[in-house]
Amino acid sequence: MSGAVGKPAGGPYEWLQRGLALLETGEAAAAATLLARAHAEEPASTGVLEALARARYDAGDVAGAAEAFRALASARPADDYAHFGLGLSLSRLGQFGLAAEHLAMAHAMRPDRPEYADRLRQVRATIRARQSPENP
């Protein structure tokens, strides 16, 4: 820790690097805390925002992840991963229609990514099942 109470040593770049290392070792909640600090200091950094979104998702903060992925997709509309992450988060939040839109965008951008097609297929199947006459 540095001289300021509660502020980690270093700056946003060091916090990003430590946050990514924490993500790699499965410490997503700790990573999210550190990356939120980095994002507060560098709100225009889409690299920090992407790492924060991933950390929040992995830590189980799906609503926070959706918020971060939404901001990332807004800042980088041609980023397939931003749309994929947003689609995953929205599907976990039960917002299947919006999830399908973002997953379809991700799949259209990167049809070579089987996980994009798989998740899109799952979300569309969920939508169909909820619309069936057996599930009023």
N, C-alpha and C. Protein backbone atom coordinates (compact mmCIF):
# COMPACT_ATOMS: atom_id res chain seq x y z
N MET A 1 0.83 -1.18 0.00
CA MET A 1 0.00 0.00 0.00
C MET A 1 0.87 1.24 0.00
N SER A 2 0.36 2.26 -0.59
CA SER A 2 1.10 3.53 -0.61
C SER A 2 0.73 4.35 0.60
N GLY A 3 1.18 5.60 0.62
CA GLY A 3 0.93 6.47 1.76
C GLY A 3 -0.54 6.78 1.97
N ALA A 4 -1.32 6.84 0.91
CA ALA A 4 -2.74 7.11 1.04
C ALA A 4 -3.44 5.85 1.56
N VAL A 5 -4.27 6.03 2.56
CA VAL A 5 -4.97 4.90 3.16
C VAL A 5 -5.92 4.29 2.13
N GLY A 6 -5.83 2.97 1.96
CA GLY A 6 -6.73 2.26 1.07
C GLY A 6 -6.37 2.30 -0.40
N LYS A 7 -5.35 3.04 -0.78
CA LYS A 7 -4.97 3.13 -2.18
C LYS A 7 -3.80 2.18 -2.44
N PRO A 8 -3.95 1.28 -3.43
CA PRO A 8 -2.84 0.35 -3.71
C PRO A 8 -1.63 1.09 -4.27
N ALA A 9 -0.48 0.49 -4.09
CA ALA A 9 0.76 1.07 -4.61
C ALA A 9 0.74 1.05 -6.13
N GLY A 10 1.44 1.98 -6.72
CA GLY A 10 1.53 2.04 -8.17
C GLY A 10 0.44 2.92 -8.76
N GLY A 11 0.23 2.72 -10.03
CA GLY A 11 -0.78 3.49 -10.75
C GLY A 11 -1.65 2.57 -11.58
N PRO A 12 -2.49 3.15 -12.42
CA PRO A 12 -3.45 2.34 -13.18
C PRO A 12 -2.82 1.21 -14.01
N TYR A 13 -1.66 1.45 -14.61
CA TYR A 13 -1.04 0.39 -15.40
C TYR A 13 -0.63 -0.78 -14.50
N GLU A 14 -0.04 -0.48 -13.37
CA GLU A 14 0.36 -1.55 -12.43
C GLU A 14 -0.87 -2.27 -11.88
N TRP A 15 -1.92 -1.51 -11.63
CA TRP A 15 -3.15 -2.12 -11.12
C TRP A 15 -3.75 -3.06 -12.17
N LEU A 16 -3.70 -2.62 -13.44
CA LEU A 16 -4.19 -3.48 -14.52
C LEU A 16 -3.38 -4.77 -14.57
N GLN A 17 -2.07 -4.66 -14.53
CA GLN A 17 -1.22 -5.84 -14.59
C GLN A 17 -1.48 -6.78 -13.41
N ARG A 18 -1.60 -6.22 -12.22
CA ARG A 18 -1.88 -7.06 -11.03
C ARG A 18 -3.29 -7.65 -11.12
N GLY A 19 -4.24 -6.86 -11.62
CA GLY A 19 -5.60 -7.37 -11.78
C GLY A 19 -5.66 -8.53 -12.75
N LEU A 20 -4.94 -8.42 -13.87
CA LEU A 20 -4.90 -9.52 -14.84
C LEU A 20 -4.24 -10.76 -14.23
N ALA A 21 -3.19 -10.56 -13.45
CA ALA A 21 -2.53 -11.69 -12.79
C ALA A 21 -3.49 -12.36 -11.80
N LEU A 22 -4.26 -11.57 -11.07
CA LEU A 22 -5.24 -12.12 -10.14
C LEU A 22 -6.31 -12.91 -10.89
N LEU A 23 -6.75 -12.39 -12.03
CA LEU A 23 -7.73 -13.12 -12.85
C LEU A 23 -7.17 -14.47 -13.28
N GLU A 24 -5.92 -14.48 -13.68
CA GLU A 24 -5.28 -15.73 -14.13
C GLU A 24 -5.22 -16.77 -13.02
N THR A 25 -5.10 -16.33 -11.78
CA THR A 25 -5.00 -17.28 -10.67
C THR A 25 -6.35 -17.57 -10.02
N GLY A 26 -7.43 -17.08 -10.65
CA GLY A 26 -8.77 -17.38 -10.16
C GLY A 26 -9.27 -16.49 -9.03
N GLU A 27 -8.59 -15.39 -8.79
CA GLU A 27 -9.00 -14.49 -7.72
C GLU A 27 -9.76 -13.30 -8.32
N ALA A 28 -10.92 -13.63 -8.90
CA ALA A 28 -11.68 -12.65 -9.66
C ALA A 28 -12.21 -11.50 -8.82
N ALA A 29 -12.66 -11.77 -7.60
CA ALA A 29 -13.20 -10.70 -6.76
C ALA A 29 -12.11 -9.68 -6.41
N ALA A 30 -10.93 -10.18 -6.07
CA ALA A 30 -9.81 -9.27 -5.77
C ALA A 30 -9.42 -8.50 -7.02
N ALA A 31 -9.42 -9.18 -8.16
CA ALA A 31 -9.10 -8.52 -9.42
C ALA A 31 -10.10 -7.42 -9.71
N ALA A 32 -11.38 -7.70 -9.51
CA ALA A 32 -12.43 -6.72 -9.78
C ALA A 32 -12.24 -5.46 -8.92
N THR A 33 -11.88 -5.65 -7.67
CA THR A 33 -11.66 -4.51 -6.78
C THR A 33 -10.52 -3.64 -7.29
N LEU A 34 -9.42 -4.26 -7.64
CA LEU A 34 -8.25 -3.52 -8.13
C LEU A 34 -8.53 -2.88 -9.49
N LEU A 35 -9.22 -3.61 -10.36
CA LEU A 35 -9.51 -3.08 -11.69
C LEU A 35 -10.54 -1.96 -11.64
N ALA A 36 -11.45 -2.00 -10.68
CA ALA A 36 -12.40 -0.89 -10.51
C ALA A 36 -11.66 0.38 -10.15
N ARG A 37 -10.63 0.24 -9.33
CA ARG A 37 -9.78 1.39 -8.97
C ARG A 37 -9.08 1.92 -10.22
N ALA A 38 -8.52 1.03 -11.02
CA ALA A 38 -7.83 1.44 -12.25
C ALA A 38 -8.80 2.11 -13.21
N HIS A 39 -10.01 1.57 -13.31
CA HIS A 39 -11.02 2.17 -14.21
C HIS A 39 -11.43 3.55 -13.73
N ALA A 40 -11.53 3.74 -12.43
CA ALA A 40 -11.87 5.06 -11.89
C ALA A 40 -10.80 6.09 -12.25
N GLU A 41 -9.55 5.65 -12.26
CA GLU A 41 -8.43 6.55 -12.59
C GLU A 41 -8.28 6.75 -14.09
N GLU A 42 -8.62 5.74 -14.87
CA GLU A 42 -8.46 5.77 -16.33
C GLU A 42 -9.76 5.33 -17.01
N PRO A 43 -10.84 6.13 -16.89
CA PRO A 43 -12.13 5.69 -17.43
C PRO A 43 -12.17 5.53 -18.94
N ALA A 44 -11.24 6.14 -19.66
CA ALA A 44 -11.22 6.03 -21.12
C ALA A 44 -10.48 4.78 -21.60
N SER A 45 -9.82 4.06 -20.71
CA SER A 45 -9.05 2.88 -21.11
C SER A 45 -9.98 1.69 -21.33
N THR A 46 -10.14 1.31 -22.59
CA THR A 46 -10.99 0.15 -22.87
C THR A 46 -10.32 -1.16 -22.46
N GLY A 47 -8.99 -1.17 -22.39
CA GLY A 47 -8.30 -2.36 -21.90
C GLY A 47 -8.62 -2.64 -20.44
N VAL A 48 -8.62 -1.58 -19.65
CA VAL A 48 -8.98 -1.71 -18.23
C VAL A 48 -10.45 -2.12 -18.11
N LEU A 49 -11.30 -1.50 -18.92
CA LEU A 49 -12.73 -1.80 -18.87
C LEU A 49 -13.01 -3.26 -19.23
N GLU A 50 -12.32 -3.78 -20.23
CA GLU A 50 -12.49 -5.18 -20.60
C GLU A 50 -12.07 -6.11 -19.47
N ALA A 51 -10.93 -5.82 -18.86
CA ALA A 51 -10.47 -6.64 -17.74
C ALA A 51 -11.44 -6.57 -16.57
N LEU A 52 -11.97 -5.38 -16.30
CA LEU A 52 -12.94 -5.21 -15.22
C LEU A 52 -14.21 -6.01 -15.50
N ALA A 53 -14.69 -5.96 -16.74
CA ALA A 53 -15.90 -6.71 -17.10
C ALA A 53 -15.68 -8.21 -16.88
N ARG A 54 -14.53 -8.71 -17.34
CA ARG A 54 -14.21 -10.13 -17.16
C ARG A 54 -14.14 -10.49 -15.68
N ALA A 55 -13.48 -9.64 -14.90
CA ALA A 55 -13.33 -9.93 -13.47
C ALA A 55 -14.69 -9.95 -12.77
N ARG A 56 -15.53 -8.98 -13.09
CA ARG A 56 -16.86 -8.95 -12.47
C ARG A 56 -17.66 -10.19 -12.84
N TYR A 57 -17.61 -10.59 -14.10
CA TYR A 57 -18.33 -11.79 -14.53
C TYR A 57 -17.83 -13.01 -13.78
N ASP A 58 -16.52 -13.17 -13.76
CA ASP A 58 -15.93 -14.34 -13.09
C ASP A 58 -16.18 -14.34 -11.58
N ALA A 59 -16.33 -13.15 -11.01
CA ALA A 59 -16.59 -13.04 -9.56
C ALA A 59 -18.07 -13.24 -9.23
N GLY A 60 -18.92 -13.37 -10.25
CA GLY A 60 -20.34 -13.57 -10.01
C GLY A 60 -21.15 -12.29 -9.96
N ASP A 61 -20.53 -11.15 -10.23
CA ASP A 61 -21.23 -9.87 -10.28
C ASP A 61 -21.72 -9.68 -11.71
N VAL A 62 -22.76 -10.42 -12.06
CA VAL A 62 -23.23 -10.44 -13.45
C VAL A 62 -23.81 -9.09 -13.85
N ALA A 63 -24.53 -8.43 -12.97
CA ALA A 63 -25.07 -7.10 -13.30
C ALA A 63 -23.94 -6.10 -13.53
N GLY A 64 -22.92 -6.14 -12.69
CA GLY A 64 -21.76 -5.27 -12.86
C GLY A 64 -21.01 -5.59 -14.14
N ALA A 65 -20.92 -6.87 -14.47
CA ALA A 65 -20.27 -7.29 -15.71
C ALA A 65 -21.05 -6.77 -16.91
N ALA A 66 -22.37 -6.89 -16.86
CA ALA A 66 -23.20 -6.41 -17.97
C ALA A 66 -22.99 -4.91 -18.17
N GLU A 67 -22.95 -4.18 -17.09
CA GLU A 67 -22.72 -2.74 -17.17
C GLU A 67 -21.38 -2.44 -17.82
N ALA A 68 -20.34 -3.14 -17.41
CA ALA A 68 -19.01 -2.91 -17.97
C ALA A 68 -18.92 -3.36 -19.42
N PHE A 69 -19.50 -4.52 -19.74
CA PHE A 69 -19.48 -4.98 -21.13
C PHE A 69 -20.31 -4.05 -22.02
N ARG A 70 -21.41 -3.51 -21.48
CA ARG A 70 -22.22 -2.55 -22.26
C ARG A 70 -21.40 -1.31 -22.59
N ALA A 71 -20.68 -0.80 -21.61
CA ALA A 71 -19.82 0.37 -21.84
C ALA A 71 -18.72 0.03 -22.84
N LEU A 72 -18.17 -1.17 -22.75
CA LEU A 72 -17.12 -1.60 -23.68
C LEU A 72 -17.67 -1.71 -25.10
N ALA A 73 -18.84 -2.30 -25.25
CA ALA A 73 -19.46 -2.44 -26.58
C ALA A 73 -19.80 -1.06 -27.16
N SER A 74 -20.14 -0.14 -26.30
CA SER A 74 -20.42 1.23 -26.75
C SER A 74 -19.15 1.92 -27.22
N ALA A 75 -18.07 1.72 -26.49
CA ALA A 75 -16.79 2.34 -26.83
C ALA A 75 -16.13 1.66 -28.03
N ARG A 76 -16.34 0.35 -28.15
CA ARG A 76 -15.72 -0.41 -29.25
C ARG A 76 -16.80 -1.27 -29.93
N PRO A 77 -17.68 -0.63 -30.73
CA PRO A 77 -18.81 -1.36 -31.31
C PRO A 77 -18.43 -2.52 -32.22
N ALA A 78 -17.23 -2.54 -32.76
CA ALA A 78 -16.79 -3.63 -33.63
C ALA A 78 -16.04 -4.71 -32.86
N ASP A 79 -16.10 -4.70 -31.54
CA ASP A 79 -15.39 -5.67 -30.70
C ASP A 79 -16.30 -6.86 -30.43
N ASP A 80 -16.00 -7.97 -31.08
CA ASP A 80 -16.83 -9.17 -30.92
C ASP A 80 -16.88 -9.64 -29.47
N TYR A 81 -15.76 -9.57 -28.76
CA TYR A 81 -15.72 -10.05 -27.38
C TYR A 81 -16.61 -9.20 -26.47
N ALA A 82 -16.66 -7.90 -26.72
CA ALA A 82 -17.52 -7.02 -25.91
C ALA A 82 -18.98 -7.45 -26.06
N HIS A 83 -19.39 -7.73 -27.29
CA HIS A 83 -20.78 -8.16 -27.53
C HIS A 83 -21.03 -9.55 -26.96
N PHE A 84 -20.04 -10.43 -27.07
CA PHE A 84 -20.18 -11.77 -26.51
C PHE A 84 -20.33 -11.69 -24.98
N GLY A 85 -19.46 -10.94 -24.33
CA GLY A 85 -19.54 -10.80 -22.88
C GLY A 85 -20.85 -10.18 -22.44
N LEU A 86 -21.31 -9.17 -23.18
CA LEU A 86 -22.59 -8.55 -22.85
C LEU A 86 -23.73 -9.55 -23.04
N GLY A 87 -23.68 -10.30 -24.13
CA GLY A 87 -24.71 -11.31 -24.36
C GLY A 87 -24.73 -12.38 -23.27
N LEU A 88 -23.56 -12.84 -22.86
CA LEU A 88 -23.49 -13.83 -21.77
C LEU A 88 -24.09 -13.26 -20.49
N SER A 89 -23.70 -12.05 -20.16
CA SER A 89 -24.18 -11.42 -18.93
C SER A 89 -25.69 -11.24 -18.96
N LEU A 90 -26.19 -10.73 -20.08
CA LEU A 90 -27.64 -10.51 -20.20
C LEU A 90 -28.41 -11.82 -20.12
N SER A 91 -27.86 -12.89 -20.70
CA SER A 91 -28.56 -14.18 -20.61
C SER A 91 -28.61 -14.67 -19.18
N ARG A 92 -27.54 -14.46 -18.43
CA ARG A 92 -27.54 -14.87 -17.02
C ARG A 92 -28.50 -14.03 -16.20
N LEU A 93 -28.79 -12.81 -16.68
CA LEU A 93 -29.74 -11.94 -15.99
C LEU A 93 -31.18 -12.19 -16.45
N GLY A 94 -31.36 -13.14 -17.38
CA GLY A 94 -32.70 -13.48 -17.87
C GLY A 94 -33.21 -12.56 -18.96
N GLN A 95 -32.35 -11.73 -19.52
CA GLN A 95 -32.73 -10.81 -20.59
C GLN A 95 -32.37 -11.45 -21.93
N PHE A 96 -33.11 -12.50 -22.28
CA PHE A 96 -32.72 -13.35 -23.40
C PHE A 96 -32.84 -12.67 -24.76
N GLY A 97 -33.82 -11.81 -24.96
CA GLY A 97 -33.96 -11.11 -26.24
C GLY A 97 -32.76 -10.23 -26.53
N LEU A 98 -32.37 -9.41 -25.56
CA LEU A 98 -31.19 -8.56 -25.73
C LEU A 98 -29.92 -9.39 -25.82
N ALA A 99 -29.87 -10.45 -25.05
CA ALA A 99 -28.70 -11.33 -25.10
C ALA A 99 -28.52 -11.89 -26.50
N ALA A 100 -29.62 -12.35 -27.10
CA ALA A 100 -29.55 -12.92 -28.45
C ALA A 100 -29.04 -11.90 -29.46
N GLU A 101 -29.44 -10.64 -29.32
CA GLU A 101 -28.97 -9.60 -30.24
C GLU A 101 -27.45 -9.46 -30.18
N HIS A 102 -26.92 -9.38 -28.97
CA HIS A 102 -25.48 -9.18 -28.82
C HIS A 102 -24.69 -10.44 -29.19
N LEU A 103 -25.23 -11.59 -28.86
CA LEU A 103 -24.57 -12.84 -29.24
C LEU A 103 -24.58 -13.02 -30.76
N ALA A 104 -25.66 -12.61 -31.41
CA ALA A 104 -25.73 -12.69 -32.87
C ALA A 104 -24.71 -11.75 -33.50
N MET A 105 -24.53 -10.57 -32.92
CA MET A 105 -23.51 -9.64 -33.44
C MET A 105 -22.12 -10.26 -33.30
N ALA A 106 -21.84 -10.80 -32.13
CA ALA A 106 -20.53 -11.42 -31.90
C ALA A 106 -20.30 -12.55 -32.89
N HIS A 107 -21.32 -13.37 -33.09
CA HIS A 107 -21.19 -14.51 -34.01
C HIS A 107 -21.01 -14.03 -35.45
N ALA A 108 -21.72 -12.98 -35.84
CA ALA A 108 -21.58 -12.45 -37.20
C ALA A 108 -20.16 -11.89 -37.42
N MET A 109 -19.60 -11.29 -36.37
CA MET A 109 -18.24 -10.74 -36.49
C MET A 109 -17.18 -11.83 -36.53
N ARG A 110 -17.42 -12.89 -35.76
CA ARG A 110 -16.42 -13.96 -35.65
C ARG A 110 -17.10 -15.33 -35.76
N PRO A 111 -17.55 -15.69 -36.97
CA PRO A 111 -18.22 -16.99 -37.12
C PRO A 111 -17.30 -18.18 -36.86
N ASP A 112 -16.01 -17.94 -36.76
CA ASP A 112 -15.05 -19.01 -36.48
C ASP A 112 -14.97 -19.37 -35.01
N ARG A 113 -15.66 -18.64 -34.15
CA ARG A 113 -15.63 -18.91 -32.71
C ARG A 113 -16.82 -19.80 -32.33
N PRO A 114 -16.60 -21.10 -32.12
CA PRO A 114 -17.71 -22.02 -31.84
C PRO A 114 -18.47 -21.67 -30.56
N GLU A 115 -17.80 -21.10 -29.58
CA GLU A 115 -18.51 -20.75 -28.34
C GLU A 115 -19.55 -19.67 -28.58
N TYR A 116 -19.31 -18.80 -29.56
CA TYR A 116 -20.28 -17.76 -29.89
C TYR A 116 -21.55 -18.41 -30.46
N ALA A 117 -21.36 -19.32 -31.40
CA ALA A 117 -22.50 -20.01 -32.02
C ALA A 117 -23.24 -20.86 -30.99
N ASP A 118 -22.50 -21.54 -30.13
CA ASP A 118 -23.12 -22.40 -29.12
C ASP A 118 -24.00 -21.59 -28.16
N ARG A 119 -23.47 -20.50 -27.66
CA ARG A 119 -24.24 -19.70 -26.70
C ARG A 119 -25.45 -19.06 -27.38
N LEU A 120 -25.29 -18.60 -28.62
CA LEU A 120 -26.41 -18.02 -29.35
C LEU A 120 -27.50 -19.07 -29.54
N ARG A 121 -27.10 -20.26 -29.91
CA ARG A 121 -28.07 -21.36 -30.09
C ARG A 121 -28.81 -21.65 -28.78
N GLN A 122 -28.09 -21.67 -27.67
CA GLN A 122 -28.71 -21.92 -26.36
C GLN A 122 -29.72 -20.83 -26.00
N VAL A 123 -29.35 -19.59 -26.23
CA VAL A 123 -30.25 -18.48 -25.88
C VAL A 123 -31.49 -18.50 -26.77
N ARG A 124 -31.29 -18.75 -28.04
CA ARG A 124 -32.45 -18.83 -28.95
C ARG A 124 -33.35 -20.00 -28.57
N ALA A 125 -32.79 -21.11 -28.15
CA ALA A 125 -33.59 -22.25 -27.71
C ALA A 125 -34.39 -21.89 -26.47
N THR A 126 -33.79 -21.15 -25.57
CA THR A 126 -34.49 -20.71 -24.36
C THR A 126 -35.65 -19.80 -24.73
N ILE A 127 -35.42 -18.89 -25.65
CA ILE A 127 -36.49 -17.99 -26.09
C ILE A 127 -37.63 -18.79 -26.70
N ARG A 128 -37.30 -19.75 -27.57
CA ARG A 128 -38.35 -20.57 -28.19
C ARG A 128 -39.12 -21.37 -27.13
N ALA A 129 -38.41 -21.94 -26.18
CA ALA A 129 -39.07 -22.74 -25.14
C ALA A 129 -40.01 -21.88 -24.31
N ARG A 130 -39.62 -20.64 -24.05
CA ARG A 130 -40.48 -19.76 -23.25
C ARG A 130 -41.67 -19.27 -24.04
N GLN A 131 -41.59 -19.31 -25.36
CA GLN A 131 -42.70 -18.84 -26.21
C GLN A 131 -43.64 -19.98 -26.60
N SER A 132 -43.28 -21.21 -26.27
CA SER A 132 -44.08 -22.36 -26.69
C SER A 132 -45.42 -22.37 -25.95
N PRO A 133 -46.44 -22.98 -26.56
CA PRO A 133 -47.77 -23.03 -25.93
C PRO A 133 -47.76 -23.74 -24.57
N GLU A 134 -46.78 -24.65 -24.36
CA GLU A 134 -46.72 -25.38 -23.10
C GLU A 134 -46.25 -24.47 -21.96
N ASN A 135 -45.63 -23.34 -22.29
CA ASN A 135 -45.13 -22.40 -21.29
C ASN A 135 -45.79 -21.04 -21.47
N PRO A 136 -47.02 -20.90 -21.02
CA PRO A 136 -47.74 -19.63 -21.23
C PRO A 136 -47.12 -18.48 -20.47
